[in-house]
């Protein structure tokens, strides 16, 4: 037969565990939001870097003299 004297302690522990779960879930959501913000920033900087490299490559190509082939040889 179960000892009913332990029931209040178990109920209190269950309530505390539920509160801890709620707190951890809220913390998890906050971390996921922060991660999403960081991913957006990383993507922004990667796109900016890619754009700058493309502009730099294009400007280097424009600085090169063009080769003109002549048939007057």
N, C-alpha and C. Protein backbone atom coordinates (compact mmCIF):
# COMPACT_ATOMS: atom_id res chain seq x y z
N UNK A 1 0.83 -1.18 0.00
CA UNK A 1 0.00 0.00 0.00
C UNK A 1 0.89 1.26 0.00
N UNK A 2 0.45 2.29 -0.72
CA UNK A 2 1.25 3.50 -0.86
C UNK A 2 1.23 4.31 0.43
N UNK A 3 2.37 4.95 0.69
CA UNK A 3 2.48 5.81 1.86
C UNK A 3 2.01 7.22 1.46
N UNK A 4 0.87 7.64 1.94
CA UNK A 4 0.28 8.92 1.54
C UNK A 4 0.98 10.11 2.18
N UNK A 5 1.88 9.87 3.08
CA UNK A 5 2.63 10.98 3.69
C UNK A 5 3.60 11.60 2.69
N UNK A 6 3.99 10.86 1.65
CA UNK A 6 4.93 11.38 0.66
C UNK A 6 4.24 12.21 -0.42
N UNK A 7 2.93 12.12 -0.53
CA UNK A 7 2.20 12.77 -1.61
C UNK A 7 2.42 14.28 -1.67
N UNK A 8 2.37 15.03 -0.57
CA UNK A 8 2.61 16.48 -0.67
C UNK A 8 4.00 16.80 -1.20
N UNK A 9 5.01 16.04 -0.79
CA UNK A 9 6.37 16.28 -1.28
C UNK A 9 6.45 16.02 -2.78
N UNK A 10 5.79 14.96 -3.23
CA UNK A 10 5.80 14.65 -4.66
C UNK A 10 5.06 15.72 -5.46
N UNK A 11 3.96 16.20 -4.92
CA UNK A 11 3.20 17.26 -5.60
C UNK A 11 4.03 18.53 -5.70
N UNK A 12 4.70 18.88 -4.63
CA UNK A 12 5.55 20.08 -4.64
C UNK A 12 6.69 19.91 -5.64
N UNK A 13 7.27 18.72 -5.68
CA UNK A 13 8.36 18.46 -6.63
C UNK A 13 7.84 18.53 -8.07
N UNK A 14 6.64 18.00 -8.30
CA UNK A 14 6.06 18.04 -9.64
C UNK A 14 5.80 19.48 -10.07
N UNK A 15 5.29 20.30 -9.17
CA UNK A 15 5.04 21.71 -9.47
C UNK A 15 6.36 22.42 -9.79
N UNK A 16 7.37 22.16 -8.98
CA UNK A 16 8.69 22.77 -9.22
C UNK A 16 9.25 22.33 -10.56
N UNK A 17 9.11 21.04 -10.88
CA UNK A 17 9.60 20.54 -12.16
C UNK A 17 8.88 21.20 -13.33
N UNK A 18 7.57 21.38 -13.21
CA UNK A 18 6.80 22.05 -14.27
C UNK A 18 7.26 23.49 -14.44
N UNK A 19 7.52 24.18 -13.34
CA UNK A 19 8.01 25.55 -13.42
C UNK A 19 9.39 25.59 -14.08
N UNK A 20 10.24 24.63 -13.73
CA UNK A 20 11.56 24.56 -14.35
C UNK A 20 11.46 24.29 -15.85
N UNK A 21 10.54 23.41 -16.23
CA UNK A 21 10.33 23.12 -17.65
C UNK A 21 9.89 24.39 -18.38
N UNK A 22 8.94 25.12 -17.79
CA UNK A 22 8.47 26.36 -18.40
C UNK A 22 9.61 27.36 -18.57
N UNK A 23 10.45 27.47 -17.53
CA UNK A 23 11.58 28.39 -17.58
C UNK A 23 12.56 27.97 -18.67
N UNK A 24 12.85 26.68 -18.75
CA UNK A 24 13.79 26.19 -19.76
C UNK A 24 13.23 26.36 -21.18
N UNK A 25 11.94 26.16 -21.34
CA UNK A 25 11.33 26.36 -22.66
C UNK A 25 11.41 27.82 -23.08
N UNK A 26 11.18 28.73 -22.14
CA UNK A 26 11.28 30.16 -22.44
C UNK A 26 12.72 30.53 -22.78
N UNK A 27 13.67 29.96 -22.05
CA UNK A 27 15.09 30.20 -22.32
C UNK A 27 15.46 29.66 -23.70
N UNK A 28 14.92 28.50 -24.04
CA UNK A 28 15.17 27.89 -25.34
C UNK A 28 14.66 28.79 -26.46
N UNK A 29 13.47 29.34 -26.29
CA UNK A 29 12.90 30.25 -27.30
C UNK A 29 13.78 31.48 -27.45
N UNK A 30 14.24 32.04 -26.34
CA UNK A 30 15.10 33.22 -26.39
C UNK A 30 16.40 32.91 -27.13
N UNK A 31 16.97 31.75 -26.88
CA UNK A 31 18.21 31.36 -27.55
C UNK A 31 17.96 31.15 -29.05
N UNK A 32 16.84 30.55 -29.40
CA UNK A 32 16.52 30.35 -30.82
C UNK A 32 16.34 31.69 -31.53
N UNK A 33 15.71 32.64 -30.87
CA UNK A 33 15.53 33.97 -31.46
C UNK A 33 16.89 34.62 -31.66
N UNK A 34 17.75 34.55 -30.66
CA UNK A 34 19.10 35.13 -30.78
C UNK A 34 19.88 34.46 -31.91
N UNK A 35 19.77 33.14 -32.02
CA UNK A 35 20.45 32.42 -33.11
C UNK A 35 19.94 32.87 -34.47
N UNK A 36 18.63 33.06 -34.59
CA UNK A 36 18.06 33.52 -35.85
C UNK A 36 18.58 34.91 -36.21
N UNK A 37 18.66 35.80 -35.22
CA UNK A 37 19.20 37.14 -35.46
C UNK A 37 20.65 37.06 -35.92
N UNK A 38 21.43 36.20 -35.28
CA UNK A 38 22.84 36.06 -35.66
C UNK A 38 22.97 35.48 -37.07
N UNK A 39 22.14 34.52 -37.42
CA UNK A 39 22.17 33.96 -38.77
C UNK A 39 21.84 35.01 -39.81
N UNK A 40 20.88 35.87 -39.51
CA UNK A 40 20.53 36.95 -40.43
C UNK A 40 21.71 37.89 -40.60
N UNK A 41 22.39 38.23 -39.50
CA UNK A 41 23.55 39.12 -39.59
C UNK A 41 24.68 38.48 -40.38
N UNK A 42 24.93 37.19 -40.14
CA UNK A 42 25.99 36.48 -40.87
C UNK A 42 25.66 36.46 -42.36
N UNK A 43 24.41 36.15 -42.70
CA UNK A 43 24.00 36.13 -44.10
C UNK A 43 24.17 37.50 -44.73
N UNK A 44 23.79 38.55 -44.02
CA UNK A 44 23.94 39.91 -44.53
C UNK A 44 25.40 40.21 -44.85
N UNK A 45 26.30 39.90 -43.91
CA UNK A 45 27.72 40.19 -44.13
C UNK A 45 28.31 39.32 -45.23
N UNK A 46 27.86 38.08 -45.35
CA UNK A 46 28.33 37.23 -46.44
C UNK A 46 27.89 37.78 -47.79
N UNK A 47 26.64 38.22 -47.88
CA UNK A 47 26.14 38.80 -49.13
C UNK A 47 26.88 40.10 -49.46
N UNK A 48 27.13 40.92 -48.45
CA UNK A 48 27.86 42.17 -48.67
C UNK A 48 29.28 41.88 -49.14
N UNK A 49 29.93 40.91 -48.51
CA UNK A 49 31.29 40.54 -48.91
C UNK A 49 31.30 40.01 -50.34
N UNK A 50 30.33 39.18 -50.68
CA UNK A 50 30.23 38.64 -52.04
C UNK A 50 30.05 39.77 -53.05
N UNK A 51 29.19 40.72 -52.72
CA UNK A 51 28.94 41.87 -53.60
C UNK A 51 30.21 42.70 -53.78
N UNK A 52 30.93 42.92 -52.69
CA UNK A 52 32.17 43.71 -52.76
C UNK A 52 33.22 42.99 -53.60
N UNK A 53 33.33 41.65 -53.44
CA UNK A 53 34.29 40.90 -54.24
C UNK A 53 33.93 40.96 -55.73
N UNK A 54 32.65 40.88 -56.03
CA UNK A 54 32.22 40.96 -57.43
C UNK A 54 32.54 42.34 -58.01
N UNK A 55 32.29 43.39 -57.24
CA UNK A 55 32.61 44.75 -57.71
C UNK A 55 34.11 44.91 -57.90
N UNK A 56 34.89 44.35 -56.97
CA UNK A 56 36.34 44.44 -57.07
C UNK A 56 36.84 43.69 -58.30
N UNK A 57 36.31 42.49 -58.53
CA UNK A 57 36.71 41.71 -59.71
C UNK A 57 36.33 42.45 -60.99
N UNK A 58 35.15 43.03 -61.02
CA UNK A 58 34.71 43.77 -62.21
C UNK A 58 35.58 44.98 -62.46
N UNK A 59 35.98 45.68 -61.41
CA UNK A 59 36.80 46.87 -61.61
C UNK A 59 38.21 46.47 -62.06
N UNK A 60 38.71 45.33 -61.58
CA UNK A 60 40.02 44.85 -62.05
C UNK A 60 39.96 44.49 -63.53
N UNK A 61 38.88 43.88 -63.95
CA UNK A 61 38.74 43.51 -65.35
C UNK A 61 38.64 44.75 -66.23
N UNK A 62 38.01 45.79 -65.73
CA UNK A 62 37.88 47.01 -66.51
C UNK A 62 39.21 47.74 -66.61
N UNK A 63 40.09 47.56 -65.62
CA UNK A 63 41.40 48.21 -65.63
C UNK A 63 42.36 47.54 -66.61
N UNK A 64 42.13 46.28 -66.95
CA UNK A 64 43.02 45.57 -67.86
C UNK A 64 42.83 46.12 -69.28
N UNK A 65 43.94 46.28 -70.00
CA UNK A 65 43.79 46.72 -71.39
C UNK A 65 43.13 45.60 -72.21
N UNK A 66 42.26 46.00 -73.09
CA UNK A 66 41.60 44.99 -73.91
C UNK A 66 42.52 44.61 -75.06
N UNK A 67 42.47 43.37 -75.45
CA UNK A 67 43.30 42.88 -76.55
C UNK A 67 42.50 43.02 -77.85
N UNK A 68 43.09 43.71 -78.76
CA UNK A 68 42.45 43.89 -80.06
C UNK A 68 43.24 43.08 -81.06
N UNK A 69 42.60 42.17 -81.73
CA UNK A 69 43.27 41.36 -82.73
C UNK A 69 43.10 42.03 -84.08
N UNK A 70 44.20 42.13 -84.76
CA UNK A 70 44.18 42.81 -86.05
C UNK A 70 44.50 41.80 -87.15
N UNK A 71 43.89 41.95 -88.29
CA UNK A 71 44.17 41.07 -89.42
C UNK A 71 45.24 41.67 -90.33
N UNK A 72 45.88 42.75 -89.92
CA UNK A 72 46.87 43.45 -90.76
C UNK A 72 48.26 42.86 -90.61
N UNK A 73 48.43 41.66 -90.18
CA UNK A 73 49.75 41.09 -89.96
C UNK A 73 50.45 40.75 -91.23
